[in-house]
Protein backbone atom coordinates (compact mmCIF):
# COMPACT_ATOMS: atom_id res chain seq x y z
CA MET A 1 12.06 145.76 -12.54
CA LEU A 2 11.27 145.31 -9.37
CA ALA A 3 9.67 148.18 -8.77
CA ALA A 4 7.77 147.83 -11.92
CA VAL A 5 6.44 144.26 -10.82
CA ASP A 6 5.72 145.82 -7.72
CA THR A 7 2.07 146.88 -8.46
CA GLN A 8 1.72 147.84 -4.54
CA ALA A 9 4.94 150.49 -4.74
CA PRO A 10 3.80 154.17 -5.46
CA ASP A 11 6.22 154.28 -8.68
CA SER A 12 5.98 151.27 -10.06
CA LYS A 13 3.68 152.52 -12.78
CA ALA A 14 6.54 155.20 -13.61
CA ALA A 15 8.99 152.38 -13.57
CA LEU A 16 7.20 150.07 -15.74
CA ALA A 17 6.54 153.01 -18.07
CA ARG A 18 10.45 154.01 -18.48
CA LEU A 19 11.08 149.66 -18.85
CA CYS A 20 8.56 150.30 -22.16
CA GLU A 21 9.72 153.55 -23.91
CA ARG A 22 12.93 151.50 -23.54
CA TYR A 23 12.19 148.23 -24.63
CA TRP A 24 8.86 148.68 -27.51
CA PRO A 25 10.41 148.08 -30.71
CA PRO A 26 11.23 144.60 -29.99
CA LEU A 27 7.25 144.29 -29.87
CA TYR A 28 7.15 146.26 -33.00
CA ALA A 29 9.36 144.12 -35.11
CA TYR A 30 7.49 141.06 -33.37
CA VAL A 31 3.74 142.53 -34.30
CA ARG A 32 5.23 143.53 -38.13
CA ARG A 33 6.82 140.19 -38.18
CA ARG A 34 3.54 138.18 -37.45
CA GLY A 35 1.98 139.93 -40.95
CA TYR A 36 0.97 143.14 -39.68
CA ALA A 37 0.45 146.23 -40.94
CA VAL A 38 2.68 149.41 -40.90
CA GLU A 39 -0.38 151.41 -39.51
CA ASP A 40 -2.09 147.84 -37.68
CA ALA A 41 1.39 147.45 -35.81
CA GLN A 42 1.85 151.22 -34.43
CA ASP A 43 -1.94 150.97 -33.53
CA LEU A 44 -1.83 147.35 -31.61
CA THR A 45 1.58 148.35 -30.09
CA GLN A 46 0.59 151.78 -28.81
CA GLU A 47 -2.72 149.97 -27.26
CA PHE A 48 -0.87 147.32 -26.23
CA PHE A 49 1.02 149.36 -23.88
CA ALA A 50 -2.01 151.28 -22.86
CA ARG A 51 -3.82 148.50 -21.41
CA LEU A 52 -0.16 147.04 -19.52
CA LEU A 53 -0.10 149.92 -17.70
CA GLU A 54 -3.76 150.46 -16.95
CA LYS A 55 -4.12 147.15 -16.07
CA ASP A 56 -3.36 144.53 -13.66
CA TYR A 57 -1.24 141.76 -16.07
CA LEU A 58 1.98 141.98 -14.20
CA LYS A 59 -0.62 140.32 -11.95
CA ALA A 60 -0.95 137.35 -13.28
CA ALA A 61 3.08 137.02 -14.96
CA ASP A 62 5.02 134.53 -13.85
CA TRP A 63 8.01 135.39 -12.25
CA GLY A 64 9.98 132.23 -12.16
CA LYS A 65 11.80 133.06 -15.16
CA GLY A 66 13.03 136.77 -14.44
CA ARG A 67 12.54 138.34 -17.32
CA PHE A 68 11.54 141.62 -18.18
CA ARG A 69 11.36 140.90 -22.54
CA THR A 70 10.15 137.29 -21.59
CA PHE A 71 7.00 138.79 -19.69
CA LEU A 72 6.39 141.30 -22.35
CA LEU A 73 6.06 138.97 -25.72
CA THR A 74 3.85 136.60 -23.47
CA CYS A 75 1.85 139.08 -22.74
CA PHE A 76 1.77 140.64 -25.85
CA GLU A 77 1.05 137.41 -27.33
CA ARG A 78 -2.33 137.67 -25.16
CA PHE A 79 -3.19 140.78 -26.11
CA LEU A 80 -2.44 139.76 -29.84
CA ALA A 81 -4.68 136.53 -29.48
CA ASN A 82 -7.61 138.29 -27.58
CA ASP A 83 -7.77 141.54 -29.82
CA TYR A 84 -11.77 141.19 -29.55
CA ASP A 85 -11.87 141.00 -33.59
CA ARG A 86 -9.16 143.98 -33.78
CA SER A 87 -11.57 147.14 -34.06
CA ARG A 88 -9.30 148.94 -32.15
CA ALA A 89 -6.30 148.51 -34.66
CA GLN A 90 -9.24 149.93 -37.96
CA LYS A 91 -9.75 152.86 -35.67
CA ARG A 92 -6.66 155.38 -36.50
CA GLY A 93 -6.11 157.99 -33.54
CA GLY A 94 -8.16 155.98 -31.51
CA GLY A 95 -5.28 154.32 -29.04
CA ARG A 96 -4.50 156.32 -26.11
CA LYS A 97 -0.82 157.81 -26.02
CA LEU A 98 0.63 156.89 -21.80
CA ILE A 99 4.01 156.46 -23.06
CA SER A 100 5.93 158.31 -25.95
CA LEU A 101 6.54 155.77 -29.15
CA ASP A 102 8.63 156.94 -31.90
CA VAL A 103 7.07 154.42 -34.68
CA ALA A 104 8.97 155.58 -37.26
CA SER A 105 12.22 154.63 -36.06
CA GLY A 106 10.93 150.81 -35.00
CA GLU A 107 9.57 150.90 -38.55
CA ASP A 108 13.23 151.91 -39.85
CA ALA A 109 14.81 149.18 -37.62
CA TYR A 110 12.14 146.63 -39.03
CA ILE A 111 12.74 147.58 -42.73
CA ARG A 112 16.42 146.84 -42.27
CA GLU A 113 15.94 143.15 -41.50
CA PRO A 114 17.05 140.87 -43.68
CA ALA A 115 14.08 139.37 -45.76
CA HIS A 116 14.55 135.47 -44.56
CA GLU A 117 12.91 133.28 -42.57
CA MET A 118 13.12 134.86 -38.58
CA THR A 119 10.80 133.84 -37.13
CA PRO A 120 8.64 136.82 -35.20
CA ASP A 121 9.81 135.00 -32.20
CA LYS A 122 14.12 135.32 -33.20
CA LEU A 123 13.52 138.70 -34.72
CA TYR A 124 11.84 139.83 -31.33
CA GLU A 125 14.66 138.16 -29.68
CA LYS A 126 17.10 140.02 -31.56
CA GLN A 127 15.70 143.46 -31.78
CA TRP A 128 16.05 143.56 -28.20
CA ALA A 129 19.61 142.58 -27.52
CA LEU A 130 20.15 145.66 -30.63
CA THR A 131 17.90 148.21 -28.62
CA LEU A 132 19.38 147.24 -25.22
CA LEU A 133 22.55 147.80 -26.87
CA GLU A 134 21.52 150.76 -28.26
CA GLN A 135 20.74 151.79 -24.97
CA VAL A 136 24.18 151.50 -23.67
CA LEU A 137 25.78 152.81 -26.91
CA ARG A 138 23.79 155.92 -25.76
CA GLN A 139 23.84 156.43 -22.41
CA LEU A 140 27.79 156.00 -22.70
CA ARG A 141 27.78 158.86 -25.49
CA ASP A 142 26.04 161.03 -23.15
CA GLU A 143 28.62 160.69 -20.06
CA TYR A 144 31.13 161.58 -22.71
CA VAL A 145 29.74 164.57 -23.59
CA ARG A 146 29.01 166.11 -20.12
CA SER A 147 32.70 165.34 -19.59
CA GLY A 148 33.35 167.01 -22.37
CA LYS A 149 34.81 164.06 -24.25
CA GLY A 150 32.30 163.63 -26.86
CA ASP A 151 34.69 164.13 -29.81
CA LEU A 152 37.19 161.21 -27.84
CA PHE A 153 33.96 158.97 -27.88
CA ASP A 154 33.08 159.88 -31.13
CA ARG A 155 36.69 158.72 -32.38
CA LEU A 156 37.05 155.95 -30.14
CA LYS A 157 33.74 153.97 -30.37
CA SER A 158 34.33 151.74 -33.29
CA CYS A 159 36.46 150.10 -31.03
CA LEU A 160 33.98 148.73 -28.81
CA THR A 161 32.88 146.41 -32.13
CA ALA A 162 34.27 142.91 -32.93
CA ASP A 163 36.21 144.28 -35.92
CA GLU A 164 37.76 147.85 -35.20
CA ALA A 165 41.32 146.16 -36.35
CA HIS A 166 40.52 148.29 -39.78
CA VAL A 167 41.30 151.33 -37.71
CA THR A 168 45.02 150.50 -35.23
CA TYR A 169 46.09 152.61 -32.15
CA ARG A 170 48.28 154.16 -34.22
CA GLU A 171 46.29 155.45 -36.75
CA LEU A 172 44.38 156.77 -33.86
CA SER A 173 47.04 158.64 -31.92
CA GLU A 174 47.81 160.18 -35.54
CA MET A 175 44.28 161.05 -36.36
CA MET A 176 43.47 162.60 -32.39
CA GLU A 177 47.40 164.03 -31.71
CA MET A 178 47.91 161.35 -28.54
CA THR A 179 50.31 158.75 -28.14
CA GLU A 180 49.45 155.63 -28.99
CA GLY A 181 50.26 154.50 -25.25
CA SER A 182 47.36 157.64 -24.54
CA VAL A 183 44.84 155.89 -27.25
CA LYS A 184 45.51 152.56 -25.87
CA VAL A 185 44.68 153.40 -21.87
CA SER A 186 40.84 155.73 -23.19
CA VAL A 187 40.05 152.15 -25.49
CA HIS A 188 40.50 149.86 -22.01
CA ARG A 189 38.58 152.84 -19.93
CA LEU A 190 35.69 152.82 -22.70
CA ARG A 191 35.28 148.94 -23.03
CA LYS A 192 35.67 148.90 -19.18
CA ARG A 193 32.63 151.98 -18.21
CA TYR A 194 31.01 149.81 -21.93
CA ARG A 195 31.15 147.02 -19.90
CA GLU A 196 30.09 148.24 -17.14
CA ILE A 197 26.59 150.23 -18.16
CA LEU A 198 25.49 146.92 -20.33
CA ARG A 199 25.67 145.17 -17.54
CA ALA A 200 23.51 147.55 -15.05
CA GLU A 201 20.84 147.82 -18.20
CA ILE A 202 20.55 144.46 -18.23
CA MET A 203 20.06 144.06 -14.30
CA LEU A 204 16.64 147.14 -15.05
CA THR A 205 15.06 143.65 -16.59
CA ILE A 206 16.00 140.58 -14.67
CA ALA A 207 15.13 139.71 -10.90
CA GLU A 208 18.28 138.25 -9.66
CA PRO A 209 21.60 139.60 -9.92
CA GLU A 210 22.89 135.71 -10.87
CA GLU A 211 21.47 136.27 -14.41
CA VAL A 212 23.18 138.43 -15.70
CA GLU A 213 25.87 136.55 -17.16
CA ASP A 214 22.95 133.92 -18.88
CA GLU A 215 21.17 136.61 -20.09
CA LEU A 216 24.41 138.03 -21.63
CA ARG A 217 25.04 134.49 -23.53
CA LEU A 218 21.13 134.53 -24.33
CA LEU A 219 21.15 138.37 -26.05
CA PHE A 220 24.56 137.63 -27.50
CA ALA A 221 23.24 135.01 -28.61
CA ALA A 222 20.35 136.03 -30.49
CA LEU A 223 22.36 138.47 -32.18
CA GLY A 224 24.26 136.23 -33.66
CA ALA A 225 21.53 134.19 -35.34
C-alpha cells in the first residue's frame, strides 16, 4: 500500500492496480446493495477504477486511518455522488478497461448474500473480509501445489475453519493413510502458514505494522455480523 500511495514512486500505479484487482468485489457488492442494476454496477465499478488509476485521488486522501479499504470506499462514495448524471453508466461498453474485473464472479458473490437489511457499508466490510480470506486460501493452496502437496491441502483445508470437528484426526489419518500424529503435525503447519499469509495480506492494505491486530479484529467482526 505504501508503494501505491507514494505517487512519486515509479511503481505507484502498478502497486495500486494490484490492490484494485484483488479488492474490487466489495465495492461491486456495495453499489449493488445501494440499488444499482447489474449492468450499471459493473460499469460504475470499472469506471471508478479507471479514474482511480488515472487521477490524483491519492493526493486528496487522508491516510491518518491507514487503511486501504477505508480510502477505497471513501473515494467510491465521492465518485458516485459526482457521477455526472451517470451518463457513463448508460453507455454500455464505453468504460476503460485498465484492470481486469471478473464481474460475473462479483455478481455471484453478491447474490449469495442473504436478502436482509444489511447496509451497503456493512456488506462492504463483510465482502472485504471474505475477499481477503479467499486471497489467503488461494495463495496457500498455490504454495502447496508448487511443492507437490496440493492433495494434502485439499484434504486438510477444512481444518482451517472453526467447524473442522466434523472430521476427526483419526478419520483424516485413515483417509490419507497417514499416522494420526503426522496429520496433527501437518494441520499445525497448515494453520501456522495460513496465519502468516493472512497477516502478510493485511499488511498490504494498511500503513503501519501495529495496525494488524486491530484490522484482524475488525475484519472478523464484520464476518460475524
